[in-house]
Amino acid sequence: MTIDRTYPIFTVRWLAVHGLAVPTVSFFGVNISNAVHPT
């Protein structure tokens, strides 16, 4: 039962980390690509 209790915590942490990391990486990635190749 310990695994069942800790698993959702790690899942929430994983979703929170990736929920913040993915848009941030995409945001900087778009800015870098626009700076290198301005439209």
PDB file of N, CA and C in Angstrom:
ATOM      1  N   MET A   1       0.829  -1.207   0.000  1.00  0.00           N
ATOM      2  CA  MET A   1       0.000   0.000   0.000  1.00  0.00           C
ATOM      3  C   MET A   1       0.867   1.262   0.000  1.00  0.00           C
ATOM      4  N   THR A   2       2.107   1.095   0.412  1.00  0.00           N
ATOM      5  CA  THR A   2       2.985   2.264   0.430  1.00  0.00           C
ATOM      6  C   THR A   2       3.207   2.784  -0.984  1.00  0.00           C
ATOM      7  N   ILE A   3       3.348   1.856  -1.923  1.00  0.00           N
ATOM      8  CA  ILE A   3       3.572   2.264  -3.315  1.00  0.00           C
ATOM      9  C   ILE A   3       2.348   3.016  -3.837  1.00  0.00           C
ATOM     10  N   ASP A   4       1.156   2.562  -3.453  1.00  0.00           N
ATOM     11  CA  ASP A   4      -0.057   3.224  -3.925  1.00  0.00           C
ATOM     12  C   ASP A   4      -0.161   4.647  -3.376  1.00  0.00           C
ATOM     13  N   ARG A   5       0.390   4.865  -2.188  1.00  0.00           N
ATOM     14  CA  ARG A   5       0.312   6.213  -1.613  1.00  0.00           C
ATOM     15  C   ARG A   5       1.359   7.144  -2.209  1.00  0.00           C
ATOM     16  N   THR A   6       2.541   6.624  -2.495  1.00  0.00           N
ATOM     17  CA  THR A   6       3.605   7.494  -2.987  1.00  0.00           C
ATOM     18  C   THR A   6       3.499   7.705  -4.492  1.00  0.00           C
ATOM     19  N   TYR A   7       2.901   6.768  -5.191  1.00  0.00           N
ATOM     20  CA  TYR A   7       2.855   6.864  -6.651  1.00  0.00           C
ATOM     21  C   TYR A   7       2.129   8.117  -7.125  1.00  0.00           C
ATOM     22  N   PRO A   8       0.925   8.441  -6.578  1.00  0.00           N
ATOM     23  CA  PRO A   8       0.247   9.661  -7.040  1.00  0.00           C
ATOM     24  C   PRO A   8       1.058  10.919  -6.747  1.00  0.00           C
ATOM     25  N   ILE A   9       1.844  10.909  -5.659  1.00  0.00           N
ATOM     26  CA  ILE A   9       2.645  12.084  -5.323  1.00  0.00           C
ATOM     27  C   ILE A   9       3.693  12.305  -6.407  1.00  0.00           C
ATOM     28  N   PHE A  10       4.371  11.218  -6.801  1.00  0.00           N
ATOM     29  CA  PHE A  10       5.385  11.359  -7.835  1.00  0.00           C
ATOM     30  C   PHE A  10       4.733  11.722  -9.167  1.00  0.00           C
ATOM     31  N   THR A  11       3.522  11.220  -9.389  1.00  0.00           N
ATOM     32  CA  THR A  11       2.829  11.542 -10.641  1.00  0.00           C
ATOM     33  C   THR A  11       2.484  13.022 -10.682  1.00  0.00           C
ATOM     34  N   VAL A  12       1.981  13.554  -9.575  1.00  0.00           N
ATOM     35  CA  VAL A  12       1.637  14.980  -9.519  1.00  0.00           C
ATOM     36  C   VAL A  12       2.890  15.819  -9.698  1.00  0.00           C
ATOM     37  N   ARG A  13       3.974  15.400  -9.039  1.00  0.00           N
ATOM     38  CA  ARG A  13       5.235  16.136  -9.175  1.00  0.00           C
ATOM     39  C   ARG A  13       5.708  16.076 -10.623  1.00  0.00           C
ATOM     40  N   TRP A  14       5.601  14.898 -11.250  1.00  0.00           N
ATOM     41  CA  TRP A  14       6.039  14.735 -12.640  1.00  0.00           C
ATOM     42  C   TRP A  14       5.218  15.636 -13.553  1.00  0.00           C
ATOM     43  N   LEU A  15       3.898  15.659 -13.341  1.00  0.00           N
ATOM     44  CA  LEU A  15       3.038  16.500 -14.178  1.00  0.00           C
ATOM     45  C   LEU A  15       3.339  17.977 -13.945  1.00  0.00           C
ATOM     46  N   ALA A  16       3.589  18.350 -12.694  1.00  0.00           N
ATOM     47  CA  ALA A  16       3.871  19.753 -12.397  1.00  0.00           C
ATOM     48  C   ALA A  16       5.188  20.185 -13.031  1.00  0.00           C
ATOM     49  N   VAL A  17       6.207  19.331 -12.915  1.00  0.00           N
ATOM     50  CA  VAL A  17       7.517  19.683 -13.468  1.00  0.00           C
ATOM     51  C   VAL A  17       7.437  19.796 -14.984  1.00  0.00           C
ATOM     52  N   HIS A  18       6.827  18.806 -15.626  1.00  0.00           N
ATOM     53  CA  HIS A  18       6.759  18.837 -17.085  1.00  0.00           C
ATOM     54  C   HIS A  18       5.757  19.884 -17.561  1.00  0.00           C
ATOM     55  N   GLY A  19       4.719  20.129 -16.764  1.00  0.00           N
ATOM     56  CA  GLY A  19       3.747  21.157 -17.132  1.00  0.00           C
ATOM     57  C   GLY A  19       4.388  22.529 -17.192  1.00  0.00           C
ATOM     58  N   LEU A  20       5.424  22.736 -16.366  1.00  0.00           N
ATOM     59  CA  LEU A  20       6.138  24.014 -16.385  1.00  0.00           C
ATOM     60  C   LEU A  20       7.315  23.978 -17.344  1.00  0.00           C
ATOM     61  N   ALA A  21       7.984  22.833 -17.433  1.00  0.00           N
ATOM     62  CA  ALA A  21       9.205  22.750 -18.238  1.00  0.00           C
ATOM     63  C   ALA A  21       8.894  22.779 -19.729  1.00  0.00           C
ATOM     64  N   VAL A  22       7.869  22.072 -20.157  1.00  0.00           N
ATOM     65  CA  VAL A  22       7.581  21.988 -21.598  1.00  0.00           C
ATOM     66  C   VAL A  22       7.241  23.357 -22.192  1.00  0.00           C
ATOM     67  N   PRO A  23       6.311  24.137 -21.613  1.00  0.00           N
ATOM     68  CA  PRO A  23       6.036  25.460 -22.184  1.00  0.00           C
ATOM     69  C   PRO A  23       7.251  26.379 -22.118  1.00  0.00           C
ATOM     70  N   THR A  24       8.065  26.255 -21.068  1.00  0.00           N
ATOM     71  CA  THR A  24       9.246  27.106 -20.945  1.00  0.00           C
ATOM     72  C   THR A  24      10.247  26.791 -22.038  1.00  0.00           C
ATOM     73  N   VAL A  25      10.506  25.506 -22.264  1.00  0.00           N
ATOM     74  CA  VAL A  25      11.449  25.111 -23.311  1.00  0.00           C
ATOM     75  C   VAL A  25      10.914  25.525 -24.677  1.00  0.00           C
ATOM     76  N   SER A  26       9.618  25.346 -24.902  1.00  0.00           N
ATOM     77  CA  SER A  26       9.025  25.736 -26.182  1.00  0.00           C
ATOM     78  C   SER A  26       9.114  27.245 -26.359  1.00  0.00           C
ATOM     79  N   PHE A  27       8.872  27.998 -25.286  1.00  0.00           N
ATOM     80  CA  PHE A  27       8.905  29.460 -25.351  1.00  0.00           C
ATOM     81  C   PHE A  27      10.296  29.950 -25.734  1.00  0.00           C
ATOM     82  N   PHE A  28      11.329  29.442 -25.042  1.00  0.00           N
ATOM     83  CA  PHE A  28      12.698  29.850 -25.364  1.00  0.00           C
ATOM     84  C   PHE A  28      13.119  29.311 -26.724  1.00  0.00           C
ATOM     85  N   GLY A  29      12.668  28.122 -27.068  1.00  0.00           N
ATOM     86  CA  GLY A  29      13.013  27.538 -28.367  1.00  0.00           C
ATOM     87  C   GLY A  29      12.481  28.393 -29.506  1.00  0.00           C
ATOM     88  N   VAL A  30      11.253  28.890 -29.358  1.00  0.00           N
ATOM     89  CA  VAL A  30      10.664  29.742 -30.393  1.00  0.00           C
ATOM     90  C   VAL A  30      11.407  31.070 -30.453  1.00  0.00           C
ATOM     91  N   ASN A  31      11.755  31.628 -29.308  1.00  0.00           N
ATOM     92  CA  ASN A  31      12.475  32.902 -29.295  1.00  0.00           C
ATOM     93  C   ASN A  31      13.848  32.753 -29.930  1.00  0.00           C
ATOM     94  N   ILE A  32      14.538  31.655 -29.641  1.00  0.00           N
ATOM     95  CA  ILE A  32      15.870  31.443 -30.211  1.00  0.00           C
ATOM     96  C   ILE A  32      15.758  31.263 -31.721  1.00  0.00           C
ATOM     97  N   SER A  33      14.774  30.485 -32.173  1.00  0.00           N
ATOM     98  CA  SER A  33      14.622  30.250 -33.611  1.00  0.00           C
ATOM     99  C   SER A  33      14.239  31.545 -34.318  1.00  0.00           C
ATOM    100  N   ASN A  34      13.433  32.391 -33.673  1.00  0.00           N
ATOM    101  CA  ASN A  34      13.060  33.662 -34.282  1.00  0.00           C
ATOM    102  C   ASN A  34      14.250  34.614 -34.311  1.00  0.00           C
ATOM    103  N   ALA A  35      15.106  34.544 -33.302  1.00  0.00           N
ATOM    104  CA  ALA A  35      16.271  35.416 -33.266  1.00  0.00           C
ATOM    105  C   ALA A  35      17.267  35.003 -34.343  1.00  0.00           C
ATOM    106  N   VAL A  36      17.418  33.685 -34.546  1.00  0.00           N
ATOM    107  CA  VAL A  36      18.367  33.198 -35.550  1.00  0.00           C
ATOM    108  C   VAL A  36      17.784  33.363 -36.947  1.00  0.00           C
ATOM    109  N   HIS A  37      16.490  33.048 -37.091  1.00  0.00           N
ATOM    110  CA  HIS A  37      15.833  33.151 -38.398  1.00  0.00           C
ATOM    111  C   HIS A  37      14.610  34.054 -38.265  1.00  0.00           C
ATOM    112  N   PRO A  38      14.803  35.356 -38.244  1.00  0.00           N
ATOM    113  CA  PRO A  38      13.652  36.259 -38.094  1.00  0.00           C
ATOM    114  C   PRO A  38      12.748  36.177 -39.316  1.00  0.00           C
ATOM    115  N   THR A  39      11.452  36.184 -39.059  1.00  0.00           N
ATOM    116  CA  THR A  39      10.499  36.114 -40.166  1.00  0.00           C
ATOM    117  C   THR A  39      10.212  37.528 -40.644  1.00  0.00           C
TER     118      THR A  39
END
